[in-house]
């Protein structure tokens, strides 16, 4: 028997037979919950990886400014890059907060 849905008269005993194995409805719901949690974690992981990359680039720019003598034009460009990364990091933080809540 590959698939059979059973329901007791009182409505409390629900079970499915899938591939010859009984799977309780509560187990199915819990499995769906865990699958959703996994997808959420994977999405969070991706956002955190992108955020980490932006922060790493910002750190590199800050170190470059501290370690070298930049011209005013170079400083302006590095400042522009830093602020652009800052905005992108802020956007990723917003996306992360939407995913977690």
C-alpha atoms as a PDB file:
ATOM      1  CA  UNK A   1       0.000   0.000   0.000  1.00  0.00           C
ATOM      2  CA  UNK A   2       1.717   3.226  -1.108  1.00  0.00           C
ATOM      3  CA  UNK A   3      -0.692   5.807   0.251  1.00  0.00           C
ATOM      4  CA  UNK A   4      -3.694   5.596   2.522  1.00  0.00           C
ATOM      5  CA  UNK A   5      -5.300   8.317   4.619  1.00  0.00           C
ATOM      6  CA  UNK A   6      -6.995   7.029   7.766  1.00  0.00           C
ATOM      7  CA  UNK A   7      -9.274   9.001  10.071  1.00  0.00           C
ATOM      8  CA  UNK A   8     -11.020   7.696  13.171  1.00  0.00           C
ATOM      9  CA  UNK A   9     -14.651   8.516  13.784  1.00  0.00           C
ATOM     10  CA  UNK A  10     -13.802  10.953  16.589  1.00  0.00           C
ATOM     11  CA  UNK A  11     -11.353  12.806  14.347  1.00  0.00           C
ATOM     12  CA  UNK A  12      -8.405  12.323  16.715  1.00  0.00           C
ATOM     13  CA  UNK A  13      -6.562   9.502  15.048  1.00  0.00           C
ATOM     14  CA  UNK A  14      -5.186  10.666  11.718  1.00  0.00           C
ATOM     15  CA  UNK A  15      -2.433   8.886   9.902  1.00  0.00           C
ATOM     16  CA  UNK A  16      -0.990   8.511   6.434  1.00  0.00           C
ATOM     17  CA  UNK A  17       0.717   5.488   5.002  1.00  0.00           C
ATOM     18  CA  UNK A  18       3.530   6.586   2.731  1.00  0.00           C
ATOM     19  CA  UNK A  19       5.708   3.944   1.149  1.00  0.00           C
ATOM     20  CA  UNK A  20       4.429   1.355   3.625  1.00  0.00           C
ATOM     21  CA  UNK A  21       5.345   3.533   6.641  1.00  0.00           C
ATOM     22  CA  UNK A  22       2.833   5.179   8.974  1.00  0.00           C
ATOM     23  CA  UNK A  23       3.393   8.909   9.423  1.00  0.00           C
ATOM     24  CA  UNK A  24       1.284  10.718  12.007  1.00  0.00           C
ATOM     25  CA  UNK A  25      -0.303  14.068  11.040  1.00  0.00           C
ATOM     26  CA  UNK A  26       1.523  15.781  13.918  1.00  0.00           C
ATOM     27  CA  UNK A  27       4.795  14.403  12.582  1.00  0.00           C
ATOM     28  CA  UNK A  28       3.946  15.672   9.120  1.00  0.00           C
ATOM     29  CA  UNK A  29       3.177  19.135  10.484  1.00  0.00           C
ATOM     30  CA  UNK A  30       6.393  19.116  12.498  1.00  0.00           C
ATOM     31  CA  UNK A  31       8.324  18.008   9.421  1.00  0.00           C
ATOM     32  CA  UNK A  32       6.813  20.887   7.404  1.00  0.00           C
ATOM     33  CA  UNK A  33       7.688  23.258  10.252  1.00  0.00           C
ATOM     34  CA  UNK A  34      11.298  22.026  10.263  1.00  0.00           C
ATOM     35  CA  UNK A  35      11.515  22.297   6.475  1.00  0.00           C
ATOM     36  CA  UNK A  36      10.292  25.901   6.701  1.00  0.00           C
ATOM     37  CA  UNK A  37      12.809  26.606   9.462  1.00  0.00           C
ATOM     38  CA  UNK A  38      15.566  25.157   7.296  1.00  0.00           C
ATOM     39  CA  UNK A  39      14.592  27.407   4.386  1.00  0.00           C
ATOM     40  CA  UNK A  40      14.532  30.393   6.736  1.00  0.00           C
ATOM     41  CA  UNK A  41      17.988  29.502   8.069  1.00  0.00           C
ATOM     42  CA  UNK A  42      19.364  29.117   4.550  1.00  0.00           C
ATOM     43  CA  UNK A  43      18.007  32.528   3.582  1.00  0.00           C
ATOM     44  CA  UNK A  44      19.435  34.086   6.756  1.00  0.00           C
ATOM     45  CA  UNK A  45      22.771  32.409   6.079  1.00  0.00           C
ATOM     46  CA  UNK A  46      22.895  33.880   2.584  1.00  0.00           C
ATOM     47  CA  UNK A  47      22.065  37.373   3.832  1.00  0.00           C
ATOM     48  CA  UNK A  48      24.628  37.108   6.617  1.00  0.00           C
ATOM     49  CA  UNK A  49      27.287  35.987   4.129  1.00  0.00           C
ATOM     50  CA  UNK A  50      26.571  39.005   1.921  1.00  0.00           C
ATOM     51  CA  UNK A  51      26.572  41.320   4.952  1.00  0.00           C
ATOM     52  CA  UNK A  52      29.868  39.845   6.111  1.00  0.00           C
ATOM     53  CA  UNK A  53      31.405  40.495   2.690  1.00  0.00           C
ATOM     54  CA  UNK A  54      30.292  44.154   2.790  1.00  0.00           C
ATOM     55  CA  UNK A  55      31.689  44.607   6.297  1.00  0.00           C
ATOM     56  CA  UNK A  56      34.956  42.987   5.255  1.00  0.00           C
ATOM     57  CA  UNK A  57      35.271  45.422   2.335  1.00  0.00           C
ATOM     58  CA  UNK A  58      34.543  48.339   4.676  1.00  0.00           C
ATOM     59  CA  UNK A  59      37.259  47.116   7.043  1.00  0.00           C
ATOM     60  CA  UNK A  60      39.747  46.899   4.167  1.00  0.00           C
ATOM     61  CA  UNK A  61      38.969  50.471   3.127  1.00  0.00           C
ATOM     62  CA  UNK A  62      39.392  51.721   6.704  1.00  0.00           C
ATOM     63  CA  UNK A  63      42.727  49.887   7.024  1.00  0.00           C
ATOM     64  CA  UNK A  64      43.889  51.284   3.697  1.00  0.00           C
ATOM     65  CA  UNK A  65      43.154  54.822   4.825  1.00  0.00           C
ATOM     66  CA  UNK A  66      45.003  54.285   8.111  1.00  0.00           C
ATOM     67  CA  UNK A  67      48.039  52.555   6.615  1.00  0.00           C
ATOM     68  CA  UNK A  68      48.751  54.713   3.585  1.00  0.00           C
ATOM     69  CA  UNK A  69      48.961  58.345   2.767  1.00  0.00           C
ATOM     70  CA  UNK A  70      46.176  58.929   0.296  1.00  0.00           C
ATOM     71  CA  UNK A  71      45.663  62.001  -1.802  1.00  0.00           C
ATOM     72  CA  UNK A  72      42.481  63.972  -1.288  1.00  0.00           C
ATOM     73  CA  UNK A  73      41.085  62.494  -4.515  1.00  0.00           C
ATOM     74  CA  UNK A  74      41.867  58.970  -3.318  1.00  0.00           C
ATOM     75  CA  UNK A  75      40.291  59.748   0.063  1.00  0.00           C
ATOM     76  CA  UNK A  76      37.140  61.024  -1.619  1.00  0.00           C
ATOM     77  CA  UNK A  77      36.894  57.844  -3.686  1.00  0.00           C
ATOM     78  CA  UNK A  78      37.503  55.595  -0.683  1.00  0.00           C
ATOM     79  CA  UNK A  79      34.946  57.590   1.318  1.00  0.00           C
ATOM     80  CA  UNK A  80      32.416  57.197  -1.493  1.00  0.00           C
ATOM     81  CA  UNK A  81      33.067  53.438  -1.660  1.00  0.00           C
ATOM     82  CA  UNK A  82      32.812  53.157   2.129  1.00  0.00           C
ATOM     83  CA  UNK A  83      29.475  54.973   2.262  1.00  0.00           C
ATOM     84  CA  UNK A  84      28.109  52.927  -0.640  1.00  0.00           C
ATOM     85  CA  UNK A  85      29.049  49.732   1.209  1.00  0.00           C
ATOM     86  CA  UNK A  86      27.497  51.146   4.364  1.00  0.00           C
ATOM     87  CA  UNK A  87      24.198  51.687   2.553  1.00  0.00           C
ATOM     88  CA  UNK A  88      24.310  48.195   1.064  1.00  0.00           C
ATOM     89  CA  UNK A  89      25.047  46.713   4.500  1.00  0.00           C
ATOM     90  CA  UNK A  90      22.104  48.646   5.936  1.00  0.00           C
ATOM     91  CA  UNK A  91      19.832  47.258   3.235  1.00  0.00           C
ATOM     92  CA  UNK A  92      21.011  43.713   3.985  1.00  0.00           C
ATOM     93  CA  UNK A  93      20.381  44.274   7.698  1.00  0.00           C
ATOM     94  CA  UNK A  94      16.827  45.356   6.870  1.00  0.00           C
ATOM     95  CA  UNK A  95      16.323  42.251   4.726  1.00  0.00           C
ATOM     96  CA  UNK A  96      17.673  40.109   7.561  1.00  0.00           C
ATOM     97  CA  UNK A  97      15.277  41.669  10.063  1.00  0.00           C
ATOM     98  CA  UNK A  98      12.356  40.981   7.708  1.00  0.00           C
ATOM     99  CA  UNK A  99      13.380  37.350   7.372  1.00  0.00           C
ATOM    100  CA  UNK A 100      13.814  36.808  11.117  1.00  0.00           C
ATOM    101  CA  UNK A 101      10.538  38.447  12.172  1.00  0.00           C
END
